[in-house]
Amino acid sequence: MSTTATPYTLRPAEPGDVQAIVGLIRELAEFEDLSHLLEITPEKLQPHLFGARPVVEALVGEVEGEIVAFALFFTNFSTFLAKPGLYLEDLYVRPAHRRSGLGRALLSRLAEIAVERDYGRFEWTVLDWNEDAIRFYETMGATLLPEWRICRVTGEALQSFGGRRG
């Protein structure tokens, strides 16, 4: 049976999914050649998804009861629109399940969530070398913003920059 014919289900992540989501994050990091940056563990992710003050949400995609895809997202805010937005941090579908409609379904569900919540935007980033993903996103109506650059301060630079004063 072809994986493209395999039915999938989408659902919000549950606490018991954290281990599987972390496994998929590790696969994503390998795909992006960024494993050296990983610090994630189920214990570190769990409170951010399901703790007293969650800051992220996730959807999972299942095939025959196995989690094979995820989308992790959070709320941001547009001062220009004076509305919140949905920011997709990561989306990953295992290679065997790509081109099955699962990635498109995850993105469509996220767009639905943004509409249901009256958000003004749905945004994410894509690595410039990932031409397959770029073409896929463009077919869904996404616009790439080449004039924008991501600024990031992390690690020791963040500690220094955000050091306590006084």
C-alpha atoms as a PDB file:
ATOM      1  CA  MET A   1       0.000   0.000   0.000  1.00  0.00           C
ATOM      2  CA  SER A   2       1.323   3.458  -0.905  1.00  0.00           C
ATOM      3  CA  THR A   3       1.797   5.976   1.888  1.00  0.00           C
ATOM      4  CA  THR A   4      -0.118   8.511  -0.200  1.00  0.00           C
ATOM      5  CA  ALA A   5      -3.231   6.341   0.232  1.00  0.00           C
ATOM      6  CA  THR A   6      -2.735   5.974   3.987  1.00  0.00           C
ATOM      7  CA  PRO A   7      -5.328   7.942   5.913  1.00  0.00           C
ATOM      8  CA  TYR A   8      -4.083  10.288   8.591  1.00  0.00           C
ATOM      9  CA  THR A   9      -5.683  12.090  11.479  1.00  0.00           C
ATOM     10  CA  LEU A  10      -4.869  15.496  12.927  1.00  0.00           C
ATOM     11  CA  ARG A  11      -5.418  16.428  16.530  1.00  0.00           C
ATOM     12  CA  PRO A  12      -4.140  18.775  19.216  1.00  0.00           C
ATOM     13  CA  ALA A  13      -1.131  17.378  21.046  1.00  0.00           C
ATOM     14  CA  GLU A  14      -1.718  15.745  24.417  1.00  0.00           C
ATOM     15  CA  PRO A  15       0.732  15.351  27.332  1.00  0.00           C
ATOM     16  CA  GLY A  16       1.479  11.762  26.326  1.00  0.00           C
ATOM     17  CA  ASP A  17       2.703  12.974  22.907  1.00  0.00           C
ATOM     18  CA  VAL A  18       5.680  14.964  24.172  1.00  0.00           C
ATOM     19  CA  GLN A  19       8.214  12.139  23.725  1.00  0.00           C
ATOM     20  CA  ALA A  20       7.108  11.584  20.109  1.00  0.00           C
ATOM     21  CA  ILE A  21       7.175  15.320  19.348  1.00  0.00           C
ATOM     22  CA  VAL A  22      10.722  15.596  20.712  1.00  0.00           C
ATOM     23  CA  GLY A  23      11.719  12.650  18.504  1.00  0.00           C
ATOM     24  CA  LEU A  24      10.310  14.438  15.459  1.00  0.00           C
ATOM     25  CA  ILE A  25      12.098  17.653  16.462  1.00  0.00           C
ATOM     26  CA  ARG A  26      15.339  15.669  16.507  1.00  0.00           C
ATOM     27  CA  GLU A  27      14.585  14.343  13.005  1.00  0.00           C
ATOM     28  CA  LEU A  28      13.869  17.888  11.827  1.00  0.00           C
ATOM     29  CA  ALA A  29      17.181  19.106  13.262  1.00  0.00           C
ATOM     30  CA  GLU A  30      19.013  16.329  11.411  1.00  0.00           C
ATOM     31  CA  PHE A  31      17.220  17.235   8.163  1.00  0.00           C
ATOM     32  CA  GLU A  32      18.209  20.889   8.603  1.00  0.00           C
ATOM     33  CA  ASP A  33      21.767  19.924   9.647  1.00  0.00           C
ATOM     34  CA  LEU A  34      21.228  21.698  12.962  1.00  0.00           C
ATOM     35  CA  SER A  35      21.453  18.823  15.470  1.00  0.00           C
ATOM     36  CA  HIS A  36      24.405  20.540  17.142  1.00  0.00           C
ATOM     37  CA  LEU A  37      21.989  23.234  18.385  1.00  0.00           C
ATOM     38  CA  LEU A  38      19.545  20.845  20.071  1.00  0.00           C
ATOM     39  CA  GLU A  39      18.963  21.144  23.795  1.00  0.00           C
ATOM     40  CA  ILE A  40      15.390  19.847  23.808  1.00  0.00           C
ATOM     41  CA  THR A  41      14.207  17.017  26.010  1.00  0.00           C
ATOM     42  CA  PRO A  42      10.681  15.915  26.841  1.00  0.00           C
ATOM     43  CA  GLU A  43      11.207  17.361  30.324  1.00  0.00           C
ATOM     44  CA  LYS A  44      12.117  20.767  28.877  1.00  0.00           C
ATOM     45  CA  LEU A  45       9.256  20.845  26.358  1.00  0.00           C
ATOM     46  CA  GLN A  46       6.436  19.541  28.562  1.00  0.00           C
ATOM     47  CA  PRO A  47       5.937  22.640  30.753  1.00  0.00           C
ATOM     48  CA  HIS A  48       5.881  24.920  27.720  1.00  0.00           C
ATOM     49  CA  LEU A  49       3.128  22.849  26.095  1.00  0.00           C
ATOM     50  CA  PHE A  50       1.164  21.664  29.129  1.00  0.00           C
ATOM     51  CA  GLY A  51       2.437  23.453  32.241  1.00  0.00           C
ATOM     52  CA  ALA A  52       0.759  26.097  34.359  1.00  0.00           C
ATOM     53  CA  ARG A  53       1.508  28.817  31.766  1.00  0.00           C
ATOM     54  CA  PRO A  54       1.845  27.176  28.334  1.00  0.00           C
ATOM     55  CA  VAL A  55       3.510  29.342  25.697  1.00  0.00           C
ATOM     56  CA  VAL A  56       3.234  26.999  22.699  1.00  0.00           C
ATOM     57  CA  GLU A  57       0.659  24.687  21.186  1.00  0.00           C
ATOM     58  CA  ALA A  58       1.082  21.717  18.894  1.00  0.00           C
ATOM     59  CA  LEU A  59      -0.882  19.656  16.429  1.00  0.00           C
ATOM     60  CA  VAL A  60       0.120  16.113  15.619  1.00  0.00           C
ATOM     61  CA  GLY A  61      -0.534  13.988  12.560  1.00  0.00           C
ATOM     62  CA  GLU A  62      -1.051  10.279  13.059  1.00  0.00           C
ATOM     63  CA  VAL A  63      -1.030   7.344  10.678  1.00  0.00           C
ATOM     64  CA  GLU A  64      -2.299   4.058  12.072  1.00  0.00           C
ATOM     65  CA  GLY A  65      -1.908   5.398  15.616  1.00  0.00           C
ATOM     66  CA  GLU A  66       1.707   6.529  15.150  1.00  0.00           C
ATOM     67  CA  ILE A  67       2.637  10.204  15.357  1.00  0.00           C
ATOM     68  CA  VAL A  68       4.460  10.951  12.086  1.00  0.00           C
ATOM     69  CA  ALA A  69       4.118  14.736  11.891  1.00  0.00           C
ATOM     70  CA  PHE A  70       3.777  17.788  14.088  1.00  0.00           C
ATOM     71  CA  ALA A  71       3.309  21.529  13.948  1.00  0.00           C
ATOM     72  CA  LEU A  72       4.398  23.633  16.923  1.00  0.00           C
ATOM     73  CA  PHE A  73       3.059  27.186  17.050  1.00  0.00           C
ATOM     74  CA  PHE A  74       2.424  30.178  19.284  1.00  0.00           C
ATOM     75  CA  THR A  75       0.724  33.557  19.325  1.00  0.00           C
ATOM     76  CA  ASN A  76       2.630  36.657  18.293  1.00  0.00           C
ATOM     77  CA  PHE A  77       1.315  40.186  17.785  1.00  0.00           C
ATOM     78  CA  SER A  78       1.206  42.698  14.932  1.00  0.00           C
ATOM     79  CA  THR A  79       1.259  46.298  16.087  1.00  0.00           C
ATOM     80  CA  PHE A  80       0.376  47.437  12.563  1.00  0.00           C
ATOM     81  CA  LEU A  81      -2.762  45.273  12.454  1.00  0.00           C
ATOM     82  CA  ALA A  82      -3.428  45.618  16.196  1.00  0.00           C
ATOM     83  CA  LYS A  83      -4.166  41.888  16.214  1.00  0.00           C
ATOM     84  CA  PRO A  84      -2.512  38.721  17.382  1.00  0.00           C
ATOM     85  CA  GLY A  85      -1.037  36.360  14.838  1.00  0.00           C
ATOM     86  CA  LEU A  86      -0.200  32.695  14.643  1.00  0.00           C
ATOM     87  CA  TYR A  87       3.488  31.915  14.291  1.00  0.00           C
ATOM     88  CA  LEU A  88       4.489  28.436  13.153  1.00  0.00           C
ATOM     89  CA  GLU A  89       7.812  27.582  14.771  1.00  0.00           C
ATOM     90  CA  ASP A  90       8.245  24.119  13.275  1.00  0.00           C
ATOM     91  CA  LEU A  91       6.403  21.771  10.964  1.00  0.00           C
ATOM     92  CA  TYR A  92       7.781  18.336  10.169  1.00  0.00           C
ATOM     93  CA  VAL A  93       6.425  15.322   8.342  1.00  0.00           C
ATOM     94  CA  ARG A  94       8.449  12.113   8.265  1.00  0.00           C
ATOM     95  CA  PRO A  95       9.798  11.449   4.747  1.00  0.00           C
ATOM     96  CA  ALA A  96       7.691   8.302   4.248  1.00  0.00           C
ATOM     97  CA  HIS A  97       4.538  10.383   4.730  1.00  0.00           C
ATOM     98  CA  ARG A  98       5.394  13.401   2.610  1.00  0.00           C
ATOM     99  CA  ARG A  99       3.231  14.064  -0.431  1.00  0.00           C
ATOM    100  CA  SER A 100       0.321  12.380   1.352  1.00  0.00           C
ATOM    101  CA  GLY A 101      -1.478  15.670   2.038  1.00  0.00           C
ATOM    102  CA  LEU A 102      -0.506  15.625   5.707  1.00  0.00           C
ATOM    103  CA  GLY A 103       1.702  18.741   5.573  1.00  0.00           C
ATOM    104  CA  ARG A 104      -0.941  20.635   3.620  1.00  0.00           C
ATOM    105  CA  ALA A 105      -3.591  19.505   6.126  1.00  0.00           C
ATOM    106  CA  LEU A 106      -1.506  20.722   9.073  1.00  0.00           C
ATOM    107  CA  LEU A 107      -0.989  24.122   7.449  1.00  0.00           C
ATOM    108  CA  SER A 108      -4.677  24.364   6.520  1.00  0.00           C
ATOM    109  CA  ARG A 109      -5.710  23.534  10.078  1.00  0.00           C
ATOM    110  CA  LEU A 110      -3.355  26.208  11.412  1.00  0.00           C
ATOM    111  CA  ALA A 111      -4.890  28.734   9.004  1.00  0.00           C
ATOM    112  CA  GLU A 112      -8.347  27.691  10.256  1.00  0.00           C
ATOM    113  CA  ILE A 113      -7.206  28.243  13.844  1.00  0.00           C
ATOM    114  CA  ALA A 114      -5.926  31.716  12.922  1.00  0.00           C
ATOM    115  CA  VAL A 115      -9.284  32.553  11.307  1.00  0.00           C
ATOM    116  CA  GLU A 116     -11.287  31.097  14.215  1.00  0.00           C
ATOM    117  CA  ARG A 117      -9.282  33.223  16.664  1.00  0.00           C
ATOM    118  CA  ASP A 118      -9.572  36.364  14.484  1.00  0.00           C
ATOM    119  CA  TYR A 119      -5.808  36.620  14.093  1.00  0.00           C
ATOM    120  CA  GLY A 120      -4.414  38.999  11.506  1.00  0.00           C
ATOM    121  CA  ARG A 121      -1.529  36.864  10.235  1.00  0.00           C
ATOM    122  CA  PHE A 122      -0.176  33.353   9.913  1.00  0.00           C
ATOM    123  CA  GLU A 123       3.608  33.414   9.551  1.00  0.00           C
ATOM    124  CA  TRP A 124       6.628  31.124   9.549  1.00  0.00           C
ATOM    125  CA  THR A 125      10.162  31.002   8.218  1.00  0.00           C
ATOM    126  CA  VAL A 126      11.797  28.635   5.750  1.00  0.00           C
ATOM    127  CA  LEU A 127      15.472  28.005   5.109  1.00  0.00           C
ATOM    128  CA  ASP A 128      16.538  29.553   1.809  1.00  0.00           C
ATOM    129  CA  TRP A 129      18.017  26.264   0.534  1.00  0.00           C
ATOM    130  CA  ASN A 130      14.778  24.318   1.071  1.00  0.00           C
ATOM    131  CA  GLU A 131      13.409  24.856  -2.432  1.00  0.00           C
ATOM    132  CA  ASP A 132      10.835  22.044  -2.149  1.00  0.00           C
ATOM    133  CA  ALA A 133       9.304  23.661   0.925  1.00  0.00           C
ATOM    134  CA  ILE A 134       9.398  27.121  -0.646  1.00  0.00           C
ATOM    135  CA  ARG A 135       7.540  25.914  -3.745  1.00  0.00           C
ATOM    136  CA  PHE A 136       5.057  24.032  -1.563  1.00  0.00           C
ATOM    137  CA  TYR A 137       4.341  27.105   0.572  1.00  0.00           C
ATOM    138  CA  GLU A 138       3.925  29.299  -2.493  1.00  0.00           C
ATOM    139  CA  THR A 139       1.325  26.892  -3.929  1.00  0.00           C
ATOM    140  CA  MET A 140      -0.635  27.428  -0.726  1.00  0.00           C
ATOM    141  CA  GLY A 141      -0.639  31.194  -1.203  1.00  0.00           C
ATOM    142  CA  ALA A 142       2.290  32.103   1.065  1.00  0.00           C
ATOM    143  CA  THR A 143       4.374  35.140   0.169  1.00  0.00           C
ATOM    144  CA  LEU A 144       8.105  35.099   0.850  1.00  0.00           C
ATOM    145  CA  LEU A 145       9.403  38.386   2.229  1.00  0.00           C
ATOM    146  CA  PRO A 146      12.973  38.670   0.914  1.00  0.00           C
ATOM    147  CA  GLU A 147      13.472  42.151   2.334  1.00  0.00           C
ATOM    148  CA  TRP A 148      13.077  40.908   5.931  1.00  0.00           C
ATOM    149  CA  ARG A 149      15.876  39.292   7.954  1.00  0.00           C
ATOM    150  CA  ILE A 150      15.614  37.430  11.225  1.00  0.00           C
ATOM    151  CA  CYS A 151      17.569  38.916  14.129  1.00  0.00           C
ATOM    152  CA  ARG A 152      18.536  36.553  16.925  1.00  0.00           C
ATOM    153  CA  VAL A 153      20.421  36.867  20.187  1.00  0.00           C
ATOM    154  CA  THR A 154      21.029  33.569  21.991  1.00  0.00           C
ATOM    155  CA  GLY A 155      23.398  31.740  24.325  1.00  0.00           C
ATOM    156  CA  GLU A 156      26.220  33.741  25.862  1.00  0.00           C
ATOM    157  CA  ALA A 157      25.357  36.811  23.775  1.00  0.00           C
ATOM    158  CA  LEU A 158      21.829  36.784  25.240  1.00  0.00           C
ATOM    159  CA  GLN A 159      23.172  36.360  28.763  1.00  0.00           C
ATOM    160  CA  SER A 160      25.520  39.292  28.257  1.00  0.00           C
ATOM    161  CA  PHE A 161      22.974  41.493  26.494  1.00  0.00           C
ATOM    162  CA  GLY A 162      20.202  40.725  28.972  1.00  0.00           C
ATOM    163  CA  GLY A 163      22.448  40.642  32.040  1.00  0.00           C
ATOM    164  CA  ARG A 164      21.106  41.929  35.290  1.00  0.00           C
ATOM    165  CA  ARG A 165      21.837  45.523  36.070  1.00  0.00           C
ATOM    166  CA  GLY A 166      22.497  46.991  39.466  1.00  0.00           C
END
